[in-house]
Amino acid sequence: QVQLVESGGGLVQAGGSLRLSCAASGSIASISIMGWYRQAPGKQRELVAGITRSGNTNYKDSVKGRFTISRDSTIGTVYLQMNSLKPEDTAVYYCKADLLPYGINYWGKGTLVTVSS
């Protein structure tokens, strides 16, 4: 079992920055990949960024160069530094943990990011 709790969301003006955190608890040693997803009103949830245990990362094209994902595997925490925010980044951001050997994944409850123009 893994529990995920996101924090750091809020209201920010376009061009501003926010740092999201996701704290995992439980079987954190079993987590393979951690990622950030987002879901805007009326849209499907989409991958924003992911990071493996070894530190390999991938990003949605529209956030490359603006967002940075990082991870501290020793404490089971993943971060998303978001710079140069745009109104289209407005969404609920969710943290996900994949336990690949077991084919199991867990989701946090999400944190709202609102970017005003």
C-alpha atoms as a PDB file:
ATOM      1  CA  GLN A   1       0.000   0.000   0.000  1.00  0.00           C
ATOM      2  CA  VAL A   2       1.139   3.508  -0.836  1.00  0.00           C
ATOM      3  CA  GLN A   3      -0.501   6.751   0.210  1.00  0.00           C
ATOM      4  CA  LEU A   4       0.175   9.963  -1.698  1.00  0.00           C
ATOM      5  CA  VAL A   5      -0.477  13.492  -0.494  1.00  0.00           C
ATOM      6  CA  GLU A   6       0.027  16.478  -2.793  1.00  0.00           C
ATOM      7  CA  SER A   7       0.613  20.044  -1.676  1.00  0.00           C
ATOM      8  CA  GLY A   8       1.742  23.364  -3.075  1.00  0.00           C
ATOM      9  CA  GLY A   9      -1.106  24.281  -5.368  1.00  0.00           C
ATOM     10  CA  GLY A  10      -2.692  27.691  -5.394  1.00  0.00           C
ATOM     11  CA  LEU A  11      -3.472  30.806  -7.364  1.00  0.00           C
ATOM     12  CA  VAL A  12      -0.688  32.498  -9.287  1.00  0.00           C
ATOM     13  CA  GLN A  13      -0.471  35.097 -12.023  1.00  0.00           C
ATOM     14  CA  ALA A  14       0.718  34.195 -15.492  1.00  0.00           C
ATOM     15  CA  GLY A  15       4.497  34.127 -15.583  1.00  0.00           C
ATOM     16  CA  GLY A  16       4.728  33.114 -11.953  1.00  0.00           C
ATOM     17  CA  SER A  17       6.022  29.951 -10.323  1.00  0.00           C
ATOM     18  CA  LEU A  18       4.774  27.225  -8.031  1.00  0.00           C
ATOM     19  CA  ARG A  19       6.388  24.159  -6.540  1.00  0.00           C
ATOM     20  CA  LEU A  20       4.258  21.082  -6.013  1.00  0.00           C
ATOM     21  CA  SER A  21       5.212  18.334  -3.610  1.00  0.00           C
ATOM     22  CA  CYS A  22       3.944  14.786  -3.323  1.00  0.00           C
ATOM     23  CA  ALA A  23       4.758  12.871  -0.183  1.00  0.00           C
ATOM     24  CA  ALA A  24       4.468   9.103  -0.351  1.00  0.00           C
ATOM     25  CA  SER A  25       4.104   6.837   2.644  1.00  0.00           C
ATOM     26  CA  GLY A  26       3.800   3.102   3.044  1.00  0.00           C
ATOM     27  CA  SER A  27       5.733   0.791   0.731  1.00  0.00           C
ATOM     28  CA  ILE A  28       7.848   3.559  -0.808  1.00  0.00           C
ATOM     29  CA  ALA A  29      10.732   1.192  -1.540  1.00  0.00           C
ATOM     30  CA  SER A  30       8.467  -0.572  -4.042  1.00  0.00           C
ATOM     31  CA  ILE A  31       7.751   2.562  -6.083  1.00  0.00           C
ATOM     32  CA  SER A  32       9.290   2.424  -9.563  1.00  0.00           C
ATOM     33  CA  ILE A  33       8.012   5.526 -11.297  1.00  0.00           C
ATOM     34  CA  MET A  34       6.451   8.676  -9.902  1.00  0.00           C
ATOM     35  CA  GLY A  35       4.654  11.166 -12.045  1.00  0.00           C
ATOM     36  CA  TRP A  36       2.544  14.273 -12.156  1.00  0.00           C
ATOM     37  CA  TYR A  37      -0.673  14.346 -14.131  1.00  0.00           C
ATOM     38  CA  ARG A  38      -3.211  17.105 -14.546  1.00  0.00           C
ATOM     39  CA  GLN A  39      -6.850  17.399 -15.439  1.00  0.00           C
ATOM     40  CA  ALA A  40      -8.427  20.618 -16.596  1.00  0.00           C
ATOM     41  CA  PRO A  41     -12.204  21.113 -16.508  1.00  0.00           C
ATOM     42  CA  GLY A  42     -13.858  19.166 -19.305  1.00  0.00           C
ATOM     43  CA  LYS A  43     -10.619  17.511 -20.355  1.00  0.00           C
ATOM     44  CA  GLN A  44      -8.998  14.158 -19.847  1.00  0.00           C
ATOM     45  CA  ARG A  45      -6.255  13.616 -17.347  1.00  0.00           C
ATOM     46  CA  GLU A  46      -2.847  13.892 -18.985  1.00  0.00           C
ATOM     47  CA  LEU A  47       0.740  13.148 -18.081  1.00  0.00           C
ATOM     48  CA  VAL A  48       2.772  16.240 -17.265  1.00  0.00           C
ATOM     49  CA  ALA A  49       6.057  14.708 -16.149  1.00  0.00           C
ATOM     50  CA  GLY A  50       7.418  11.429 -14.892  1.00  0.00           C
ATOM     51  CA  ILE A  51      10.600  10.272 -13.215  1.00  0.00           C
ATOM     52  CA  THR A  52      12.052   6.825 -12.668  1.00  0.00           C
ATOM     53  CA  ARG A  53      13.863   5.604  -9.602  1.00  0.00           C
ATOM     54  CA  SER A  54      17.159   6.125 -11.428  1.00  0.00           C
ATOM     55  CA  GLY A  55      16.254   9.704 -12.300  1.00  0.00           C
ATOM     56  CA  ASN A  56      15.226   9.406 -15.926  1.00  0.00           C
ATOM     57  CA  THR A  57      12.567  11.975 -16.767  1.00  0.00           C
ATOM     58  CA  ASN A  58      10.012  12.670 -19.441  1.00  0.00           C
ATOM     59  CA  TYR A  59       7.783  15.686 -19.998  1.00  0.00           C
ATOM     60  CA  LYS A  60       4.724  16.732 -21.891  1.00  0.00           C
ATOM     61  CA  ASP A  61       5.937  18.836 -24.815  1.00  0.00           C
ATOM     62  CA  SER A  62       4.106  21.967 -23.735  1.00  0.00           C
ATOM     63  CA  VAL A  63       5.871  22.083 -20.343  1.00  0.00           C
ATOM     64  CA  LYS A  64       9.404  21.303 -21.477  1.00  0.00           C
ATOM     65  CA  GLY A  65      11.771  24.045 -20.428  1.00  0.00           C
ATOM     66  CA  ARG A  66       9.278  25.406 -17.889  1.00  0.00           C
ATOM     67  CA  PHE A  67       8.615  22.498 -15.520  1.00  0.00           C
ATOM     68  CA  THR A  68      11.146  20.343 -13.707  1.00  0.00           C
ATOM     69  CA  ILE A  69      10.381  17.091 -11.919  1.00  0.00           C
ATOM     70  CA  SER A  70      12.660  15.796  -9.217  1.00  0.00           C
ATOM     71  CA  ARG A  71      12.527  12.998  -6.711  1.00  0.00           C
ATOM     72  CA  ASP A  72      13.973  12.034  -3.367  1.00  0.00           C
ATOM     73  CA  SER A  73      13.523   8.270  -3.320  1.00  0.00           C
ATOM     74  CA  THR A  74      14.868   7.931   0.201  1.00  0.00           C
ATOM     75  CA  ILE A  75      11.846   9.733   1.581  1.00  0.00           C
ATOM     76  CA  GLY A  76       9.428   8.929  -1.221  1.00  0.00           C
ATOM     77  CA  THR A  77       8.820  12.508  -2.293  1.00  0.00           C
ATOM     78  CA  VAL A  78       8.488  13.920  -5.772  1.00  0.00           C
ATOM     79  CA  TYR A  79       8.461  17.596  -6.693  1.00  0.00           C
ATOM     80  CA  LEU A  80       7.291  19.590  -9.662  1.00  0.00           C
ATOM     81  CA  GLN A  81       8.841  23.007 -10.077  1.00  0.00           C
ATOM     82  CA  MET A  82       6.633  25.019 -12.408  1.00  0.00           C
ATOM     83  CA  ASN A  83       7.967  28.251 -13.869  1.00  0.00           C
ATOM     84  CA  SER A  84       6.603  30.662 -16.464  1.00  0.00           C
ATOM     85  CA  LEU A  85       3.101  29.450 -15.742  1.00  0.00           C
ATOM     86  CA  LYS A  86       0.384  30.044 -18.303  1.00  0.00           C
ATOM     87  CA  PRO A  87      -3.399  30.153 -17.925  1.00  0.00           C
ATOM     88  CA  GLU A  88      -3.575  26.887 -19.871  1.00  0.00           C
ATOM     89  CA  ASP A  89      -1.645  25.217 -17.046  1.00  0.00           C
ATOM     90  CA  THR A  90      -4.715  25.642 -14.850  1.00  0.00           C
ATOM     91  CA  ALA A  91      -5.822  22.210 -13.673  1.00  0.00           C
ATOM     92  CA  VAL A  92      -5.967  19.828 -10.773  1.00  0.00           C
ATOM     93  CA  TYR A  93      -2.544  18.230 -10.509  1.00  0.00           C
ATOM     94  CA  TYR A  94      -2.324  14.632  -9.367  1.00  0.00           C
ATOM     95  CA  CYS A  95       0.596  12.569  -8.191  1.00  0.00           C
ATOM     96  CA  LYS A  96       0.875   8.949  -9.285  1.00  0.00           C
ATOM     97  CA  ALA A  97       3.108   6.148  -8.100  1.00  0.00           C
ATOM     98  CA  ASP A  98       3.702   3.024 -10.171  1.00  0.00           C
ATOM     99  CA  LEU A  99       4.840  -0.205  -8.588  1.00  0.00           C
ATOM    100  CA  LEU A 100       5.855  -1.887 -11.819  1.00  0.00           C
ATOM    101  CA  PRO A 101       6.801  -5.320 -10.516  1.00  0.00           C
ATOM    102  CA  TYR A 102       3.306  -5.645  -9.098  1.00  0.00           C
ATOM    103  CA  GLY A 103       1.341  -3.901 -11.835  1.00  0.00           C
ATOM    104  CA  ILE A 104      -0.183  -1.567  -9.259  1.00  0.00           C
ATOM    105  CA  ASN A 105      -0.489   2.191  -9.219  1.00  0.00           C
ATOM    106  CA  TYR A 106      -1.712   4.718  -6.677  1.00  0.00           C
ATOM    107  CA  TRP A 107      -3.054   8.229  -7.026  1.00  0.00           C
ATOM    108  CA  GLY A 108      -3.167  11.206  -4.744  1.00  0.00           C
ATOM    109  CA  LYS A 109      -6.288  13.308  -4.334  1.00  0.00           C
ATOM    110  CA  GLY A 110      -4.876  16.230  -6.276  1.00  0.00           C
ATOM    111  CA  THR A 111      -4.009  19.861  -5.725  1.00  0.00           C
ATOM    112  CA  LEU A 112      -5.541  22.739  -7.662  1.00  0.00           C
ATOM    113  CA  VAL A 113      -3.349  25.093  -9.662  1.00  0.00           C
ATOM    114  CA  THR A 114      -5.004  28.213 -11.023  1.00  0.00           C
ATOM    115  CA  VAL A 115      -3.086  30.579 -13.277  1.00  0.00           C
ATOM    116  CA  SER A 116      -4.708  33.945 -13.880  1.00  0.00           C
ATOM    117  CA  SER A 117      -4.050  36.027 -16.977  1.00  0.00           C
END
